[in-house]
């Protein structure tokens, strides 16, 4: 619980542009990952997740393990976005 409070306080101390970026990318990833959207929108959702994880990877670059974990998840999301886009035929 203390870790969640710490992350929340850390999020509140961020600049406004970072808050807007993170919240918007998270919402895009959640909304467009629905099964009612076709492959193009699901690719956009995975790309938004990539931006989300990459920006947090940059934020935590002082902690090498956490940053590498976020970058690895961002690369996986980027691959899944590319794969989803190729399956859609675009």
N, C-alpha and C. Protein backbone atom coordinates (compact mmCIF):
# COMPACT_ATOMS: atom_id res chain seq x y z
N UNK A 1 0.82 -1.18 0.00
CA UNK A 1 0.00 0.00 0.00
C UNK A 1 0.87 1.26 0.00
N UNK A 2 1.98 1.19 0.71
CA UNK A 2 2.86 2.35 0.76
C UNK A 2 3.50 2.61 -0.59
N UNK A 3 3.76 1.55 -1.33
CA UNK A 3 4.34 1.71 -2.66
C UNK A 3 3.36 2.39 -3.61
N UNK A 4 2.09 2.05 -3.48
CA UNK A 4 1.06 2.69 -4.30
C UNK A 4 0.95 4.16 -3.94
N UNK A 5 0.99 4.49 -2.66
CA UNK A 5 0.95 5.88 -2.23
C UNK A 5 2.17 6.65 -2.75
N UNK A 6 3.32 5.98 -2.72
CA UNK A 6 4.54 6.61 -3.24
C UNK A 6 4.42 6.91 -4.73
N UNK A 7 3.91 5.93 -5.50
CA UNK A 7 3.74 6.13 -6.94
C UNK A 7 2.73 7.25 -7.22
N UNK A 8 1.67 7.32 -6.43
CA UNK A 8 0.67 8.37 -6.61
C UNK A 8 1.27 9.74 -6.30
N UNK A 9 2.03 9.84 -5.22
CA UNK A 9 2.68 11.12 -4.89
C UNK A 9 3.71 11.51 -5.94
N UNK A 10 4.40 10.52 -6.47
CA UNK A 10 5.37 10.77 -7.54
C UNK A 10 4.66 11.27 -8.79
N UNK A 11 3.51 10.68 -9.10
CA UNK A 11 2.74 11.11 -10.26
C UNK A 11 2.24 12.54 -10.07
N UNK A 12 1.81 12.88 -8.89
CA UNK A 12 1.30 14.24 -8.64
C UNK A 12 2.40 15.30 -8.73
N UNK A 13 3.64 14.91 -8.49
CA UNK A 13 4.73 15.87 -8.54
C UNK A 13 5.28 16.08 -9.95
N UNK A 14 4.76 15.34 -10.91
CA UNK A 14 5.22 15.46 -12.30
C UNK A 14 4.69 16.74 -12.93
N UNK A 15 5.36 17.20 -14.00
CA UNK A 15 4.84 18.36 -14.73
C UNK A 15 3.52 18.01 -15.44
N UNK A 16 2.77 19.04 -15.77
CA UNK A 16 1.45 18.85 -16.35
C UNK A 16 1.51 18.11 -17.68
N UNK A 17 2.52 18.39 -18.52
CA UNK A 17 2.59 17.74 -19.82
C UNK A 17 2.80 16.24 -19.67
N UNK A 18 3.55 15.83 -18.64
CA UNK A 18 3.78 14.41 -18.40
C UNK A 18 2.51 13.73 -17.92
N UNK A 19 1.77 14.41 -17.04
CA UNK A 19 0.50 13.85 -16.56
C UNK A 19 -0.48 13.67 -17.71
N UNK A 20 -0.57 14.67 -18.59
CA UNK A 20 -1.49 14.58 -19.72
C UNK A 20 -1.07 13.46 -20.66
N UNK A 21 0.23 13.34 -20.92
CA UNK A 21 0.73 12.27 -21.80
C UNK A 21 0.41 10.90 -21.24
N UNK A 22 0.70 10.68 -19.99
CA UNK A 22 0.50 9.37 -19.37
C UNK A 22 -0.97 9.00 -19.31
N UNK A 23 -1.80 9.92 -18.86
CA UNK A 23 -3.22 9.63 -18.74
C UNK A 23 -3.86 9.40 -20.11
N UNK A 24 -3.50 10.23 -21.08
CA UNK A 24 -4.09 10.06 -22.41
C UNK A 24 -3.64 8.76 -23.07
N UNK A 25 -2.37 8.40 -22.95
CA UNK A 25 -1.91 7.15 -23.53
C UNK A 25 -2.54 5.95 -22.85
N UNK A 26 -2.72 6.02 -21.55
CA UNK A 26 -3.36 4.92 -20.83
C UNK A 26 -4.82 4.78 -21.26
N UNK A 27 -5.53 5.89 -21.40
CA UNK A 27 -6.92 5.83 -21.83
C UNK A 27 -7.05 5.34 -23.27
N UNK A 28 -6.18 5.80 -24.16
CA UNK A 28 -6.21 5.32 -25.54
C UNK A 28 -5.95 3.82 -25.60
N UNK A 29 -4.99 3.36 -24.81
CA UNK A 29 -4.68 1.93 -24.79
C UNK A 29 -5.85 1.11 -24.28
N UNK A 30 -6.55 1.61 -23.28
CA UNK A 30 -7.68 0.87 -22.73
C UNK A 30 -8.87 0.89 -23.68
N UNK A 31 -9.19 2.05 -24.21
CA UNK A 31 -10.38 2.18 -25.06
C UNK A 31 -10.21 1.43 -26.37
N UNK A 32 -9.10 1.61 -27.06
CA UNK A 32 -8.94 1.01 -28.38
C UNK A 32 -8.54 -0.46 -28.35
N UNK A 33 -8.28 -1.01 -27.18
CA UNK A 33 -7.94 -2.44 -27.12
C UNK A 33 -9.18 -3.31 -27.07
N UNK A 34 -10.34 -2.72 -27.13
CA UNK A 34 -11.59 -3.46 -27.11
C UNK A 34 -11.71 -4.35 -28.35
N UNK A 35 -12.40 -5.44 -28.22
CA UNK A 35 -12.55 -6.36 -29.34
C UNK A 35 -13.51 -5.83 -30.39
N UNK A 36 -14.24 -4.76 -30.09
CA UNK A 36 -15.17 -4.22 -31.07
C UNK A 36 -14.46 -3.36 -32.12
N UNK A 37 -13.18 -3.06 -31.94
CA UNK A 37 -12.43 -2.30 -32.92
C UNK A 37 -11.64 -3.25 -33.82
N UNK A 38 -11.36 -2.82 -35.03
CA UNK A 38 -10.62 -3.66 -35.97
C UNK A 38 -9.12 -3.58 -35.68
N UNK A 39 -8.31 -4.21 -36.52
CA UNK A 39 -6.88 -4.32 -36.30
C UNK A 39 -6.14 -3.00 -36.24
N UNK A 40 -6.61 -2.01 -37.03
CA UNK A 40 -5.92 -0.72 -37.04
C UNK A 40 -6.01 -0.06 -35.67
N UNK A 41 -7.19 -0.04 -35.08
CA UNK A 41 -7.36 0.61 -33.77
C UNK A 41 -6.65 -0.16 -32.67
N UNK A 42 -6.63 -1.47 -32.78
CA UNK A 42 -5.91 -2.25 -31.78
C UNK A 42 -4.41 -2.01 -31.90
N UNK A 43 -3.93 -1.75 -33.11
CA UNK A 43 -2.53 -1.39 -33.29
C UNK A 43 -2.23 -0.04 -32.65
N UNK A 44 -3.16 0.89 -32.78
CA UNK A 44 -3.01 2.20 -32.14
C UNK A 44 -2.98 2.05 -30.62
N UNK A 45 -3.80 1.16 -30.10
CA UNK A 45 -3.81 0.91 -28.65
C UNK A 45 -2.48 0.37 -28.17
N UNK A 46 -1.89 -0.53 -28.93
CA UNK A 46 -0.59 -1.09 -28.54
C UNK A 46 0.52 -0.06 -28.70
N UNK A 47 0.39 0.81 -29.68
CA UNK A 47 1.36 1.88 -29.84
C UNK A 47 1.26 2.88 -28.69
N UNK A 48 0.05 3.16 -28.23
CA UNK A 48 -0.13 4.03 -27.06
C UNK A 48 0.47 3.39 -25.81
N UNK A 49 0.33 2.08 -25.68
CA UNK A 49 0.96 1.38 -24.56
C UNK A 49 2.48 1.46 -24.65
N UNK A 50 3.00 1.41 -25.88
CA UNK A 50 4.45 1.55 -26.07
C UNK A 50 4.92 2.91 -25.58
N UNK A 51 4.21 3.96 -25.95
CA UNK A 51 4.58 5.31 -25.51
C UNK A 51 4.48 5.43 -24.00
N UNK A 52 3.45 4.83 -23.42
CA UNK A 52 3.27 4.84 -21.97
C UNK A 52 4.45 4.19 -21.26
N UNK A 53 4.81 2.98 -21.67
CA UNK A 53 5.90 2.27 -21.01
C UNK A 53 7.25 2.93 -21.28
N UNK A 54 7.46 3.45 -22.49
CA UNK A 54 8.72 4.10 -22.80
C UNK A 54 8.90 5.38 -21.98
N UNK A 55 7.82 6.15 -21.81
CA UNK A 55 7.95 7.38 -21.03
C UNK A 55 8.23 7.09 -19.56
N UNK A 56 7.62 6.04 -19.02
CA UNK A 56 7.95 5.67 -17.65
C UNK A 56 9.35 5.06 -17.56
N UNK A 57 9.81 4.42 -18.61
CA UNK A 57 11.19 3.93 -18.63
C UNK A 57 12.18 5.07 -18.57
N UNK A 58 11.87 6.14 -19.31
CA UNK A 58 12.73 7.32 -19.23
C UNK A 58 12.67 7.97 -17.86
N UNK A 59 11.50 7.95 -17.25
CA UNK A 59 11.33 8.55 -15.93
C UNK A 59 12.15 7.81 -14.87
N UNK A 60 12.20 6.49 -14.96
CA UNK A 60 12.89 5.68 -13.97
C UNK A 60 14.27 5.24 -14.43
N UNK A 61 14.92 6.00 -15.26
CA UNK A 61 16.22 5.57 -15.79
C UNK A 61 17.33 5.55 -14.74
N UNK A 62 17.11 6.15 -13.60
CA UNK A 62 18.12 6.07 -12.53
C UNK A 62 18.14 4.69 -11.89
N UNK A 63 16.99 4.04 -11.87
CA UNK A 63 16.91 2.67 -11.38
C UNK A 63 17.00 1.76 -12.60
N UNK A 64 18.16 1.20 -12.82
CA UNK A 64 18.45 0.49 -14.05
C UNK A 64 17.52 -0.70 -14.28
N UNK A 65 17.26 -1.48 -13.26
CA UNK A 65 16.41 -2.65 -13.42
C UNK A 65 14.99 -2.28 -13.84
N UNK A 66 14.44 -1.29 -13.18
CA UNK A 66 13.08 -0.87 -13.50
C UNK A 66 13.03 -0.27 -14.89
N UNK A 67 14.02 0.55 -15.25
CA UNK A 67 14.05 1.17 -16.57
C UNK A 67 14.17 0.11 -17.67
N UNK A 68 15.03 -0.88 -17.46
CA UNK A 68 15.18 -1.94 -18.45
C UNK A 68 13.88 -2.73 -18.59
N UNK A 69 13.20 -2.96 -17.49
CA UNK A 69 11.93 -3.66 -17.53
C UNK A 69 10.89 -2.87 -18.33
N UNK A 70 10.79 -1.57 -18.08
CA UNK A 70 9.85 -0.74 -18.84
C UNK A 70 10.23 -0.68 -20.32
N UNK A 71 11.51 -0.58 -20.64
CA UNK A 71 11.93 -0.56 -22.04
C UNK A 71 11.65 -1.89 -22.73
N UNK A 72 11.83 -2.99 -22.01
CA UNK A 72 11.54 -4.31 -22.59
C UNK A 72 10.05 -4.45 -22.88
N UNK A 73 9.22 -4.01 -21.96
CA UNK A 73 7.78 -4.08 -22.19
C UNK A 73 7.38 -3.14 -23.33
N UNK A 74 8.04 -1.99 -23.44
CA UNK A 74 7.77 -1.08 -24.55
C UNK A 74 8.15 -1.71 -25.88
N UNK A 75 9.26 -2.43 -25.93
CA UNK A 75 9.66 -3.11 -27.17
C UNK A 75 8.68 -4.23 -27.53
N UNK A 76 8.22 -4.95 -26.54
CA UNK A 76 7.24 -6.00 -26.79
C UNK A 76 5.94 -5.38 -27.31
N UNK A 77 5.52 -4.28 -26.72
CA UNK A 77 4.31 -3.60 -27.18
C UNK A 77 4.48 -3.07 -28.60
N UNK A 78 5.66 -2.57 -28.90
CA UNK A 78 5.92 -2.08 -30.26
C UNK A 78 5.86 -3.23 -31.27
N UNK A 79 6.43 -4.37 -30.92
CA UNK A 79 6.36 -5.53 -31.80
C UNK A 79 4.91 -5.97 -31.99
N UNK A 80 4.14 -6.02 -30.91
CA UNK A 80 2.74 -6.43 -31.02
C UNK A 80 1.93 -5.44 -31.85
N UNK A 81 2.26 -4.16 -31.74
CA UNK A 81 1.59 -3.15 -32.56
C UNK A 81 1.90 -3.37 -34.04
N UNK A 82 3.16 -3.61 -34.34
CA UNK A 82 3.57 -3.87 -35.74
C UNK A 82 2.89 -5.13 -36.26
N UNK A 83 2.86 -6.17 -35.44
CA UNK A 83 2.23 -7.42 -35.85
C UNK A 83 0.73 -7.25 -36.07
N UNK A 84 0.08 -6.50 -35.19
CA UNK A 84 -1.35 -6.24 -35.33
C UNK A 84 -1.64 -5.43 -36.58
N UNK A 85 -0.76 -4.50 -36.90
CA UNK A 85 -0.94 -3.69 -38.10
C UNK A 85 -0.74 -4.52 -39.36
N UNK A 86 0.21 -5.44 -39.34
CA UNK A 86 0.43 -6.28 -40.51
C UNK A 86 -0.70 -7.28 -40.71
N UNK A 87 -1.31 -7.74 -39.62
CA UNK A 87 -2.46 -8.65 -39.72
C UNK A 87 -3.68 -7.94 -40.28
N UNK A 88 -3.78 -6.63 -40.02
CA UNK A 88 -4.91 -5.86 -40.53
C UNK A 88 -4.78 -5.61 -42.02
N UNK A 89 -3.62 -5.87 -42.57
CA UNK A 89 -3.41 -5.72 -44.00
C UNK A 89 -3.01 -4.34 -44.42
N UNK A 90 -2.48 -3.56 -43.49
CA UNK A 90 -2.06 -2.18 -43.82
C UNK A 90 -0.58 -2.09 -43.97
